[in-house]
Amino acid sequence: MIPGRLTVIAEAGVNHNGDEALAHELVDVAARSGADAVKFQTFDPALLVSGHAETTPYQRDRGGASDQQSLLAALTLPSGAWVELRDHAEELGLTFLSTPFDLGSARLLASLGVAAIKTSSGELTNTPFLRALADFGLPMLVSTGMGDEAEVAAAVAATSAAPSVTLLHCVSAYPAPIDEANLRVIPALATRHGVPVGWSDHTIGSTSAVAAVALGATVLEKHVTTDGSLPGPDHAASLEPDELGAYVAAVRDAWSALGDGVKRRMPSEVENAKLVRRSWHATRDLPAGHTIDSEDAVTLRPELGLAPSVVLSGARTLRPVNAGDPITSADVKLP
């Protein structure tokens, strides 16, 4: 999302529990953590689920209603809240994002000037919806949880009208088992589709995120809560404020550690290099005009003379060299 930089999205999602004040508190938490963006979810329950849709086991286990429509109704914010949340985020230097689950919600978000449209893993196979969202002319972030190769390819094709697409590898379990993270998908998708790929991280902790960055992830998304013990579907799989700050620091360090891939002496090595590398030193006094043989020189630290790779035998001294002194290019004419 930010060229040449790792983008970290604090996923507030529905962890506001329908409370506007709590939603604003999540914006504050995201800003203090050092994240780049805060993201919510915008939806009309009637346009998302039927009255027959049961909640998932993990949603019921965490105090949710038995049907999705009732659960989502309790997690809905009034339409006027989104302007205030956007303004709050932008005042704190955050990019404001929200995932739309219907076209009306997408239009609302577009009218707020969101920088991108993020789609849920549940919409991966909803290619007509993806195609309609691509026509908004905004960059897209497309989560791929529960998907297979063919479904991802179809989603990429459906969003081709968007100015840019970033895929987010995802495992849609809350929390996701670390041994199912399958992070090698990240470089594989990037190669196959020629687009940036990130990691929508539902695992515990930051281990998978650090590994994802090492594998080329350019965007990370992590759920955040003010209190992991709160009732609601996502709190238990979310990071609390201090944890999110540590997470952001860890992934930023990982990104910084990647460098540019050009092997060279780094600035922090310069002081040490001459002290720990060897060079040719005279084993005895060598007069000017002397032809050096194998007994006349030895490679020792520091690196003040010619490198050990230089063939010194047969060289003639241009001036006297004292025993123990480094032998430099100014001291000899090489054979």
Protein backbone atom coordinates (compact mmCIF):
# COMPACT_ATOMS: atom_id res chain seq x y z
CA MET A 1 0.00 0.00 0.00
CA ILE A 2 2.92 2.31 0.71
CA PRO A 3 5.49 1.65 -2.05
CA GLY A 4 8.86 0.63 -0.67
CA ARG A 5 7.54 0.40 2.88
CA LEU A 6 5.79 -2.13 5.06
CA THR A 7 2.17 -1.16 5.79
CA VAL A 8 0.76 -2.29 9.14
CA ILE A 9 -3.02 -2.20 9.52
CA ALA A 10 -4.52 -2.35 13.00
CA GLU A 11 -7.75 -4.25 12.43
CA ALA A 12 -10.33 -2.82 14.82
CA GLY A 13 -13.02 -4.69 12.90
CA VAL A 14 -16.09 -5.08 15.08
CA ASN A 15 -14.18 -5.02 18.36
CA HIS A 16 -16.02 -1.81 19.23
CA ASN A 17 -19.01 -4.05 20.12
CA GLY A 18 -21.34 -1.44 18.64
CA ASP A 19 -20.04 1.26 21.01
CA GLU A 20 -18.85 4.45 19.28
CA ALA A 21 -16.68 5.48 22.23
CA LEU A 22 -14.92 2.13 22.17
CA ALA A 23 -14.41 2.49 18.41
CA HIS A 24 -12.64 5.81 18.99
CA GLU A 25 -10.54 4.23 21.72
CA LEU A 26 -9.40 1.61 19.20
CA VAL A 27 -8.28 4.42 16.89
CA ASP A 28 -6.16 5.79 19.73
CA VAL A 29 -4.66 2.36 20.40
CA ALA A 30 -3.77 1.96 16.72
CA ALA A 31 -2.06 5.34 16.64
CA ARG A 32 -0.04 4.69 19.81
CA SER A 33 1.13 1.34 18.45
CA GLY A 34 2.85 2.88 15.44
CA ALA A 35 0.52 1.23 12.92
CA ASP A 36 -0.02 2.96 9.57
CA ALA A 37 -3.76 2.42 9.35
CA VAL A 38 -6.81 1.50 11.39
CA LYS A 39 -9.54 -0.56 9.77
CA PHE A 40 -13.14 -1.26 10.69
CA GLN A 41 -15.99 -3.19 9.03
CA THR A 42 -19.01 -1.48 7.50
CA PHE A 43 -22.15 -3.45 6.73
CA ASP A 44 -25.91 -3.64 6.69
CA PRO A 45 -26.79 -6.95 8.39
CA ALA A 46 -29.88 -7.37 6.22
CA LEU A 47 -27.72 -7.26 3.09
CA LEU A 48 -25.10 -9.62 4.48
CA VAL A 49 -26.85 -12.60 6.04
CA SER A 50 -30.21 -14.30 5.91
CA GLY A 51 -32.25 -15.06 8.97
CA HIS A 52 -31.20 -18.70 8.58
CA ALA A 53 -27.46 -18.08 9.00
CA GLU A 54 -26.17 -19.55 12.25
CA THR A 55 -23.15 -18.08 13.97
CA THR A 56 -19.88 -19.98 13.79
CA PRO A 57 -18.80 -22.09 16.78
CA TYR A 58 -16.10 -19.59 17.77
CA GLN A 59 -18.67 -16.74 17.63
CA ARG A 60 -21.07 -18.64 19.92
CA ASP A 61 -18.24 -19.59 22.29
CA ARG A 62 -17.46 -15.90 22.81
CA GLY A 63 -20.90 -14.77 23.87
CA GLY A 64 -22.42 -14.22 20.46
CA ALA A 65 -26.03 -14.75 19.46
CA SER A 66 -27.08 -18.01 17.87
CA ASP A 67 -27.80 -16.36 14.52
CA GLN A 68 -25.51 -14.11 12.49
CA GLN A 69 -28.12 -11.44 11.82
CA SER A 70 -28.63 -10.74 15.53
CA LEU A 71 -24.90 -10.84 16.17
CA LEU A 72 -24.13 -8.37 13.38
CA ALA A 73 -26.98 -6.04 14.37
CA ALA A 74 -25.33 -5.66 17.78
CA LEU A 75 -22.00 -4.87 16.11
CA THR A 76 -23.27 -2.18 13.73
CA LEU A 77 -22.30 1.46 14.09
CA PRO A 78 -24.64 4.27 12.93
CA SER A 79 -23.79 5.76 9.55
CA GLY A 80 -22.81 9.08 11.13
CA ALA A 81 -20.05 7.41 13.14
CA TRP A 82 -17.88 6.81 10.11
CA VAL A 83 -17.16 10.48 9.40
CA GLU A 84 -16.07 11.01 12.99
CA LEU A 85 -13.89 7.89 13.00
CA ARG A 86 -12.27 8.93 9.73
CA ASP A 87 -11.54 12.41 11.07
CA HIS A 88 -10.19 11.00 14.33
CA ALA A 89 -7.88 8.60 12.48
CA GLU A 90 -6.58 11.27 10.13
CA GLU A 91 -5.96 13.70 13.01
CA LEU A 92 -3.66 11.07 14.51
CA GLY A 93 -1.82 10.45 11.23
CA LEU A 94 -3.53 7.14 10.50
CA THR A 95 -5.01 6.00 7.22
CA PHE A 96 -8.69 5.23 7.78
CA LEU A 97 -10.00 2.03 6.19
CA SER A 98 -13.07 -0.13 6.54
CA THR A 99 -14.19 -3.33 4.86
CA PRO A 100 -17.54 -2.93 3.04
CA PHE A 101 -19.85 -5.93 2.82
CA ASP A 102 -22.39 -4.38 0.44
CA LEU A 103 -22.34 -1.75 -2.29
CA GLY A 104 -24.16 0.81 -0.18
CA SER A 105 -21.45 0.55 2.46
CA ALA A 106 -18.80 0.78 -0.24
CA ARG A 107 -20.37 3.97 -1.59
CA LEU A 108 -20.41 5.43 1.91
CA LEU A 109 -16.73 4.66 2.40
CA ALA A 110 -15.80 5.99 -1.03
CA SER A 111 -17.59 9.24 -0.18
CA LEU A 112 -15.37 9.50 2.89
CA GLY A 113 -12.28 9.38 0.69
CA VAL A 114 -10.86 6.06 1.85
CA ALA A 115 -7.45 5.31 0.37
CA ALA A 116 -8.37 1.74 -0.61
CA ILE A 117 -11.12 -0.83 -0.48
CA LYS A 118 -10.40 -3.92 1.60
CA THR A 119 -12.48 -7.03 1.01
CA SER A 120 -13.15 -9.83 3.44
CA SER A 121 -12.09 -13.42 2.87
CA GLY A 122 -15.77 -14.31 2.95
CA GLU A 123 -16.22 -12.33 -0.28
CA LEU A 124 -13.39 -14.04 -2.18
CA THR A 125 -15.78 -16.07 -4.29
CA ASN A 126 -18.29 -13.21 -4.66
CA THR A 127 -16.78 -12.15 -7.96
CA PRO A 128 -19.73 -9.93 -9.05
CA PHE A 129 -19.24 -7.91 -5.85
CA LEU A 130 -15.46 -7.78 -6.36
CA ARG A 131 -15.97 -6.63 -9.93
CA ALA A 132 -18.34 -3.87 -8.79
CA LEU A 133 -15.89 -2.73 -6.11
CA ALA A 134 -13.06 -2.61 -8.65
CA ASP A 135 -15.13 -0.11 -10.65
CA PHE A 136 -14.85 2.40 -7.79
CA GLY A 137 -11.36 3.15 -9.09
CA LEU A 138 -9.64 2.66 -5.75
CA PRO A 139 -6.71 0.38 -4.87
CA MET A 140 -7.95 -2.92 -3.50
CA LEU A 141 -6.79 -5.20 -0.71
CA VAL A 142 -8.24 -8.66 -1.23
CA SER A 143 -8.15 -11.20 1.59
CA THR A 144 -7.89 -14.81 0.45
CA GLY A 145 -8.75 -16.85 3.55
CA MET A 146 -10.44 -20.22 2.91
CA GLY A 147 -9.51 -19.88 -0.77
CA ASP A 148 -7.75 -22.16 -3.19
CA GLU A 149 -5.63 -21.40 -6.24
CA ALA A 150 -8.54 -21.24 -8.68
CA GLU A 151 -10.60 -18.99 -6.41
CA VAL A 152 -7.73 -16.55 -5.93
CA ALA A 153 -7.11 -16.45 -9.67
CA ALA A 154 -10.79 -15.70 -10.29
CA ALA A 155 -10.71 -12.90 -7.70
CA VAL A 156 -7.63 -11.38 -9.32
CA ALA A 157 -9.40 -11.43 -12.68
CA ALA A 158 -12.56 -9.91 -11.16
CA THR A 159 -10.60 -6.99 -9.67
CA SER A 160 -8.54 -6.26 -12.79
CA ALA A 161 -10.23 -2.87 -13.29
CA ALA A 162 -8.88 -1.58 -9.98
CA PRO A 163 -5.79 0.66 -10.26
CA SER A 164 -3.87 -1.80 -8.07
CA VAL A 165 -4.54 -5.00 -6.17
CA THR A 166 -2.77 -6.38 -3.12
CA LEU A 167 -3.64 -9.92 -2.11
CA LEU A 168 -3.64 -10.79 1.56
CA HIS A 169 -2.85 -14.39 2.39
CA CYS A 170 -5.05 -15.35 5.30
CA VAL A 171 -6.13 -18.34 7.39
CA SER A 172 -9.70 -17.70 8.49
CA ALA A 173 -9.57 -19.22 11.97
CA TYR A 174 -9.62 -17.18 15.18
CA PRO A 175 -6.95 -17.76 16.28
CA ALA A 176 -5.29 -19.48 13.35
CA PRO A 177 -3.01 -22.44 14.22
CA ILE A 178 0.60 -21.45 13.60
CA ASP A 179 1.28 -24.74 11.83
CA GLU A 180 -1.44 -23.91 9.30
CA ALA A 181 -0.09 -20.46 8.42
CA ASN A 182 1.38 -21.82 5.17
CA LEU A 183 3.40 -18.64 4.69
CA ARG A 184 5.19 -19.90 1.58
CA VAL A 185 1.94 -19.00 -0.18
CA ILE A 186 3.03 -15.34 0.05
CA PRO A 187 5.93 -15.48 -2.44
CA ALA A 188 4.05 -18.06 -4.51
CA LEU A 189 1.05 -15.75 -5.00
CA ALA A 190 3.30 -12.77 -5.70
CA THR A 191 5.11 -14.71 -8.42
CA ARG A 192 1.97 -16.23 -9.91
CA HIS A 193 -0.10 -13.06 -10.09
CA GLY A 194 2.54 -10.34 -10.27
CA VAL A 195 0.98 -8.32 -7.43
CA PRO A 196 2.08 -7.42 -3.89
CA VAL A 197 1.01 -9.92 -1.24
CA GLY A 198 0.49 -9.37 2.47
CA TRP A 199 -0.51 -11.39 5.52
CA SER A 200 -3.82 -10.97 7.31
CA ASP A 201 -2.56 -12.42 10.56
CA HIS A 202 -4.90 -14.31 12.87
CA THR A 203 -2.19 -16.30 14.65
CA ILE A 204 -1.15 -15.70 18.25
CA GLY A 205 1.85 -13.39 18.71
CA SER A 206 4.20 -11.96 16.09
CA THR A 207 6.22 -15.01 14.95
CA SER A 208 4.26 -15.58 11.75
CA ALA A 209 4.30 -11.87 10.92
CA VAL A 210 8.08 -11.62 11.19
CA ALA A 211 8.38 -14.70 8.96
CA ALA A 212 5.84 -13.25 6.53
CA VAL A 213 7.89 -10.07 6.18
CA ALA A 214 10.99 -12.18 5.50
CA LEU A 215 9.04 -13.96 2.75
CA GLY A 216 8.05 -10.71 1.07
CA ALA A 217 4.81 -9.58 2.71
CA THR A 218 4.27 -5.87 2.07
CA VAL A 219 1.11 -5.43 4.15
CA LEU A 220 0.28 -6.86 7.56
CA GLU A 221 -3.13 -6.80 9.21
CA LYS A 222 -3.63 -7.69 12.88
CA HIS A 223 -6.74 -7.53 15.06
CA VAL A 224 -6.60 -5.14 18.00
CA THR A 225 -8.73 -4.88 21.13
CA THR A 226 -8.69 -2.80 24.28
CA ASP A 227 -9.29 -5.94 26.34
CA GLY A 228 -9.04 -9.52 25.14
CA SER A 229 -11.58 -10.70 27.73
CA LEU A 230 -14.44 -8.59 26.33
CA PRO A 231 -17.42 -10.46 24.86
CA GLY A 232 -17.53 -10.50 21.08
CA PRO A 233 -16.35 -12.71 18.25
CA ASP A 234 -12.82 -11.37 17.68
CA HIS A 235 -11.48 -10.09 21.02
CA ALA A 236 -9.86 -13.37 22.09
CA ALA A 237 -7.86 -13.54 18.85
CA SER A 238 -6.80 -9.88 19.03
CA LEU A 239 -3.81 -8.09 20.50
CA GLU A 240 -4.18 -5.77 23.46
CA PRO A 241 -2.58 -2.30 23.25
CA ASP A 242 0.89 -3.14 24.63
CA GLU A 243 0.98 -6.32 22.56
CA LEU A 244 0.12 -4.43 19.39
CA GLY A 245 2.93 -1.94 20.05
CA ALA A 246 5.41 -4.81 20.45
CA TYR A 247 4.03 -6.47 17.31
CA VAL A 248 4.49 -3.33 15.21
CA ALA A 249 8.03 -2.86 16.54
CA ALA A 250 8.92 -6.49 15.74
CA VAL A 251 7.66 -6.41 12.17
CA ARG A 252 9.26 -3.02 11.50
CA ASP A 253 12.58 -4.45 12.71
CA ALA A 254 12.09 -7.45 10.43
CA TRP A 255 11.40 -5.17 7.46
CA SER A 256 14.42 -3.03 8.26
CA ALA A 257 16.58 -6.15 8.56
CA LEU A 258 15.77 -7.20 4.98
CA GLY A 259 17.88 -4.45 3.42
CA ASP A 260 18.26 -4.19 -0.35
CA GLY A 261 19.89 -7.54 -1.15
CA VAL A 262 23.20 -6.03 -2.31
CA LYS A 263 26.11 -7.69 -0.49
CA ARG A 264 28.52 -5.00 0.63
CA ARG A 265 30.41 -3.77 3.66
CA MET A 266 27.94 -2.03 5.93
CA PRO A 267 28.76 1.23 7.75
CA SER A 268 28.77 -0.51 11.14
CA GLU A 269 31.46 -2.93 9.86
CA VAL A 270 33.95 -0.32 8.64
CA GLU A 271 35.66 0.19 11.98
CA ASN A 272 36.08 -3.52 12.59
CA ALA A 273 37.10 -4.58 9.10
CA LYS A 274 40.69 -3.35 9.15
CA LEU A 275 41.20 -4.72 12.67
CA VAL A 276 40.00 -8.27 12.08
CA ARG A 277 41.09 -8.87 8.49
CA ARG A 278 44.62 -9.96 7.62
CA SER A 279 47.19 -8.46 5.28
CA TRP A 280 50.81 -9.17 4.35
CA HIS A 281 53.42 -8.21 6.97
CA ALA A 282 57.19 -8.47 6.76
CA THR A 283 58.73 -11.22 8.92
CA ARG A 284 62.14 -9.52 8.83
CA ASP A 285 63.76 -6.34 7.62
CA LEU A 286 63.53 -6.18 3.84
CA PRO A 287 65.95 -3.85 2.01
CA ALA A 288 65.00 -1.93 -1.12
CA GLY A 289 65.44 -4.04 -4.28
CA HIS A 290 64.86 -7.30 -2.41
CA THR A 291 62.95 -10.11 -4.14
CA ILE A 292 60.38 -11.41 -1.69
CA ASP A 293 60.10 -15.15 -1.09
CA SER A 294 57.74 -17.22 1.06
CA GLU A 295 59.85 -16.74 4.19
CA ASP A 296 59.78 -12.96 4.01
CA ALA A 297 56.11 -12.31 4.71
CA VAL A 298 53.14 -13.61 6.68
CA THR A 299 49.46 -12.66 6.76
CA LEU A 300 48.46 -11.07 10.07
CA ARG A 301 45.91 -8.65 11.41
CA PRO A 302 45.31 -5.72 10.89
CA GLU A 303 44.36 -5.08 7.28
CA LEU A 304 46.87 -2.29 6.66
CA GLY A 305 48.78 -3.94 3.85
CA LEU A 306 48.14 -5.95 0.73
CA ALA A 307 45.35 -8.54 0.93
CA PRO A 308 46.25 -12.22 1.45
CA SER A 309 44.85 -12.92 -2.04
CA VAL A 310 47.74 -10.92 -3.57
CA VAL A 311 50.62 -13.16 -4.74
CA LEU A 312 53.61 -11.57 -3.06
CA SER A 313 56.35 -14.11 -3.83
CA GLY A 314 58.61 -12.72 -6.57
CA ALA A 315 57.68 -9.09 -5.86
CA ARG A 316 60.56 -6.60 -5.53
CA THR A 317 60.67 -4.06 -2.74
CA LEU A 318 60.74 -0.43 -3.88
CA ARG A 319 61.88 0.78 -0.47
CA PRO A 320 62.95 -0.76 2.85
CA VAL A 321 60.25 -2.47 4.93
CA ASN A 322 60.87 -3.06 8.64
CA ALA A 323 60.12 -6.40 10.28
CA GLY A 324 56.50 -6.50 11.50
CA ASP A 325 55.34 -3.69 9.23
CA PRO A 326 52.53 -4.18 6.73
CA ILE A 327 53.59 -4.49 3.13
CA THR A 328 51.63 -2.02 1.02
CA SER A 329 51.25 -1.46 -2.72
CA ALA A 330 53.64 1.49 -2.34
CA ASP A 331 56.35 -0.82 -0.94
CA VAL A 332 56.59 -3.35 -3.77
CA LYS A 333 56.44 -3.92 -7.50
CA LEU A 334 54.33 -7.01 -7.98
CA PRO A 335 55.46 -9.74 -10.40
